[in-house]
Amino acid sequence: MEERDISMGSGWKMTIRMDVDKYDKQFIEIAKVRKDRKIGRFKLNPRYAKKLGEELIKVGEELEKEGSLGDDSPESMEE
């Protein structure tokens, strides 16, 4: 899996990539990055990636219905 970037504005981005820990176990690293420095990191067991994605979509849909996404959501940027 190649590294993926999500632009968050103001020089921030989120990166998602596969990695292996010192015990040779795979994990997905989700990191908040600015100026090529990882500020915050989260390690996710790959077996939960699909479930996390599904839950994030549900949260996004709920926020969209409430009008809480604001003008900087990716959906509004595409238009």
N, C-alpha and C. Protein backbone atom coordinates (compact mmCIF):
# COMPACT_ATOMS: atom_id res chain seq x y z
N MET A 1 0.85 -1.18 0.00
CA MET A 1 0.00 0.00 0.00
C MET A 1 0.90 1.23 0.00
N GLU A 2 0.67 2.12 -0.94
CA GLU A 2 1.45 3.35 -0.98
C GLU A 2 0.88 4.37 0.00
N GLU A 3 1.71 5.30 0.41
CA GLU A 3 1.28 6.33 1.34
C GLU A 3 0.26 7.24 0.67
N ARG A 4 -0.77 7.59 1.41
CA ARG A 4 -1.81 8.48 0.90
C ARG A 4 -1.83 9.73 1.76
N ASP A 5 -2.07 10.88 1.11
CA ASP A 5 -2.11 12.16 1.81
C ASP A 5 -3.48 12.80 1.65
N ILE A 6 -3.94 13.43 2.73
CA ILE A 6 -5.18 14.20 2.70
C ILE A 6 -4.81 15.60 3.15
N SER A 7 -5.00 16.60 2.27
CA SER A 7 -4.70 17.98 2.62
C SER A 7 -5.75 18.50 3.59
N MET A 8 -5.28 19.12 4.68
CA MET A 8 -6.18 19.63 5.70
C MET A 8 -6.17 21.16 5.75
N GLY A 9 -5.39 21.80 4.92
CA GLY A 9 -5.30 23.25 4.89
C GLY A 9 -4.29 23.79 5.88
N SER A 10 -3.88 25.04 5.68
CA SER A 10 -2.92 25.74 6.55
C SER A 10 -1.62 24.97 6.74
N GLY A 11 -1.21 24.23 5.72
CA GLY A 11 0.05 23.50 5.78
C GLY A 11 -0.03 22.13 6.45
N TRP A 12 -1.19 21.75 6.93
CA TRP A 12 -1.37 20.46 7.60
C TRP A 12 -1.83 19.42 6.59
N LYS A 13 -1.43 18.18 6.79
CA LYS A 13 -1.96 17.07 6.01
C LYS A 13 -2.04 15.84 6.90
N MET A 14 -2.84 14.89 6.46
CA MET A 14 -2.96 13.62 7.15
C MET A 14 -2.39 12.56 6.22
N THR A 15 -1.52 11.71 6.73
CA THR A 15 -0.96 10.64 5.92
C THR A 15 -1.45 9.30 6.45
N ILE A 16 -1.66 8.38 5.52
CA ILE A 16 -2.10 7.03 5.86
C ILE A 16 -1.16 6.08 5.13
N ARG A 17 -0.54 5.17 5.88
CA ARG A 17 0.40 4.23 5.25
C ARG A 17 0.49 2.95 6.06
N MET A 18 0.93 1.89 5.40
CA MET A 18 1.19 0.62 6.07
C MET A 18 2.60 0.65 6.61
N ASP A 19 2.80 0.02 7.75
CA ASP A 19 4.13 -0.06 8.35
C ASP A 19 4.23 -1.37 9.12
N VAL A 20 5.43 -1.69 9.57
CA VAL A 20 5.69 -2.90 10.34
C VAL A 20 6.41 -2.48 11.62
N ASP A 21 5.95 -3.00 12.76
CA ASP A 21 6.60 -2.64 14.03
C ASP A 21 7.82 -3.53 14.27
N LYS A 22 8.48 -3.32 15.41
CA LYS A 22 9.71 -4.07 15.70
C LYS A 22 9.48 -5.55 15.90
N TYR A 23 8.23 -5.96 16.07
CA TYR A 23 7.89 -7.38 16.23
C TYR A 23 7.38 -7.99 14.92
N ASP A 24 7.58 -7.29 13.80
CA ASP A 24 7.16 -7.71 12.46
C ASP A 24 5.65 -7.82 12.31
N LYS A 25 4.90 -7.05 13.08
CA LYS A 25 3.44 -7.01 12.93
C LYS A 25 3.08 -5.78 12.10
N GLN A 26 2.20 -6.00 11.12
CA GLN A 26 1.76 -4.90 10.27
C GLN A 26 0.74 -4.03 10.99
N PHE A 27 0.78 -2.74 10.69
CA PHE A 27 -0.23 -1.83 11.20
C PHE A 27 -0.41 -0.70 10.20
N ILE A 28 -1.52 0.00 10.31
CA ILE A 28 -1.77 1.18 9.50
C ILE A 28 -1.48 2.38 10.37
N GLU A 29 -0.61 3.25 9.88
CA GLU A 29 -0.28 4.47 10.62
C GLU A 29 -1.07 5.63 10.03
N ILE A 30 -1.80 6.33 10.87
CA ILE A 30 -2.51 7.54 10.49
C ILE A 30 -1.82 8.67 11.25
N ALA A 31 -1.25 9.63 10.52
CA ALA A 31 -0.47 10.68 11.16
C ALA A 31 -0.89 12.06 10.68
N LYS A 32 -0.84 13.02 11.59
CA LYS A 32 -1.05 14.42 11.25
C LYS A 32 0.33 15.02 11.05
N VAL A 33 0.55 15.65 9.89
CA VAL A 33 1.89 16.09 9.49
C VAL A 33 1.87 17.57 9.13
N ARG A 34 2.93 18.27 9.53
CA ARG A 34 3.14 19.65 9.11
C ARG A 34 4.63 19.85 8.90
N LYS A 35 4.98 20.40 7.75
CA LYS A 35 6.39 20.63 7.39
C LYS A 35 7.21 19.34 7.53
N ASP A 36 6.64 18.25 7.04
CA ASP A 36 7.28 16.92 7.05
C ASP A 36 7.60 16.40 8.45
N ARG A 37 6.94 16.93 9.47
CA ARG A 37 7.08 16.42 10.84
C ARG A 37 5.77 15.80 11.28
N LYS A 38 5.84 14.58 11.77
CA LYS A 38 4.64 13.91 12.28
C LYS A 38 4.34 14.45 13.67
N ILE A 39 3.21 15.12 13.81
CA ILE A 39 2.84 15.74 15.08
C ILE A 39 2.06 14.76 15.95
N GLY A 40 1.13 14.05 15.35
CA GLY A 40 0.35 13.05 16.09
C GLY A 40 0.23 11.79 15.26
N ARG A 41 0.34 10.64 15.90
CA ARG A 41 0.25 9.37 15.18
C ARG A 41 -0.71 8.43 15.87
N PHE A 42 -1.36 7.61 15.04
CA PHE A 42 -2.26 6.58 15.55
C PHE A 42 -1.95 5.30 14.79
N LYS A 43 -1.75 4.21 15.49
CA LYS A 43 -1.48 2.91 14.87
C LYS A 43 -2.75 2.08 14.94
N LEU A 44 -3.18 1.58 13.78
CA LEU A 44 -4.42 0.83 13.67
C LEU A 44 -4.13 -0.58 13.17
N ASN A 45 -4.68 -1.57 13.84
CA ASN A 45 -4.59 -2.95 13.38
C ASN A 45 -5.35 -3.03 12.05
N PRO A 46 -4.73 -3.57 10.98
CA PRO A 46 -5.39 -3.62 9.67
C PRO A 46 -6.76 -4.29 9.66
N ARG A 47 -7.00 -5.21 10.59
CA ARG A 47 -8.30 -5.89 10.57
C ARG A 47 -9.46 -4.95 10.91
N TYR A 48 -9.15 -3.78 11.50
CA TYR A 48 -10.19 -2.82 11.87
C TYR A 48 -10.32 -1.66 10.88
N ALA A 49 -9.52 -1.64 9.83
CA ALA A 49 -9.51 -0.53 8.89
C ALA A 49 -10.87 -0.34 8.21
N LYS A 50 -11.47 -1.41 7.75
CA LYS A 50 -12.75 -1.31 7.05
C LYS A 50 -13.83 -0.80 8.00
N LYS A 51 -13.87 -1.32 9.22
CA LYS A 51 -14.87 -0.89 10.19
C LYS A 51 -14.69 0.59 10.53
N LEU A 52 -13.45 1.03 10.72
CA LEU A 52 -13.19 2.44 11.00
C LEU A 52 -13.67 3.31 9.84
N GLY A 53 -13.37 2.90 8.62
CA GLY A 53 -13.81 3.65 7.45
C GLY A 53 -15.32 3.76 7.37
N GLU A 54 -16.02 2.66 7.64
CA GLU A 54 -17.48 2.67 7.61
C GLU A 54 -18.04 3.62 8.67
N GLU A 55 -17.45 3.60 9.86
CA GLU A 55 -17.92 4.49 10.94
C GLU A 55 -17.63 5.95 10.61
N LEU A 56 -16.47 6.23 10.01
CA LEU A 56 -16.15 7.61 9.63
C LEU A 56 -17.13 8.13 8.57
N ILE A 57 -17.52 7.27 7.65
CA ILE A 57 -18.51 7.67 6.64
C ILE A 57 -19.83 8.00 7.30
N LYS A 58 -20.25 7.17 8.26
CA LYS A 58 -21.50 7.43 8.98
C LYS A 58 -21.45 8.77 9.72
N VAL A 59 -20.33 9.02 10.40
CA VAL A 59 -20.18 10.29 11.12
C VAL A 59 -20.22 11.46 10.15
N GLY A 60 -19.53 11.34 9.03
CA GLY A 60 -19.53 12.39 8.01
C GLY A 60 -20.92 12.66 7.47
N GLU A 61 -21.68 11.60 7.23
CA GLU A 61 -23.05 11.77 6.73
C GLU A 61 -23.94 12.45 7.76
N GLU A 62 -23.78 12.09 9.04
CA GLU A 62 -24.56 12.73 10.11
C GLU A 62 -24.21 14.21 10.22
N LEU A 63 -22.93 14.53 10.16
CA LEU A 63 -22.50 15.92 10.24
C LEU A 63 -22.99 16.72 9.04
N GLU A 64 -23.00 16.09 7.88
CA GLU A 64 -23.48 16.75 6.67
C GLU A 64 -24.96 17.08 6.80
N LYS A 65 -25.74 16.14 7.34
CA LYS A 65 -27.18 16.38 7.54
C LYS A 65 -27.42 17.52 8.51
N GLU A 66 -26.57 17.61 9.55
CA GLU A 66 -26.71 18.67 10.55
C GLU A 66 -26.16 20.00 10.05
N GLY A 67 -25.44 19.98 8.94
CA GLY A 67 -24.82 21.19 8.43
C GLY A 67 -23.57 21.57 9.19
N SER A 68 -22.95 20.61 9.84
CA SER A 68 -21.79 20.90 10.69
C SER A 68 -20.45 20.75 9.98
N LEU A 69 -20.45 20.40 8.71
CA LEU A 69 -19.18 20.19 8.02
C LEU A 69 -18.46 21.49 7.69
N GLY A 70 -19.18 22.56 7.48
CA GLY A 70 -18.55 23.84 7.15
C GLY A 70 -18.19 23.91 5.68
N ASP A 71 -17.56 25.00 5.29
CA ASP A 71 -17.25 25.25 3.89
C ASP A 71 -15.98 24.55 3.41
N ASP A 72 -15.16 24.03 4.31
CA ASP A 72 -13.90 23.44 3.89
C ASP A 72 -13.96 21.92 3.75
N SER A 73 -15.15 21.36 3.68
CA SER A 73 -15.27 19.92 3.49
C SER A 73 -14.85 19.56 2.06
N PRO A 74 -14.30 18.36 1.85
CA PRO A 74 -13.87 17.96 0.51
C PRO A 74 -15.00 18.02 -0.51
N GLU A 75 -16.23 17.74 -0.08
CA GLU A 75 -17.35 17.77 -1.02
C GLU A 75 -17.57 19.18 -1.56
N SER A 76 -17.43 20.20 -0.71
CA SER A 76 -17.66 21.56 -1.17
C SER A 76 -16.48 22.08 -1.97
N MET A 77 -15.28 21.51 -1.78
CA MET A 77 -14.10 21.94 -2.53
C MET A 77 -14.13 21.44 -3.96
N GLU A 78 -14.80 20.33 -4.20
CA GLU A 78 -14.83 19.74 -5.54
C GLU A 78 -15.70 20.54 -6.49
N GLU A 79 -16.64 21.29 -5.99
CA GLU A 79 -17.57 22.03 -6.85
C GLU A 79 -16.94 23.24 -7.48
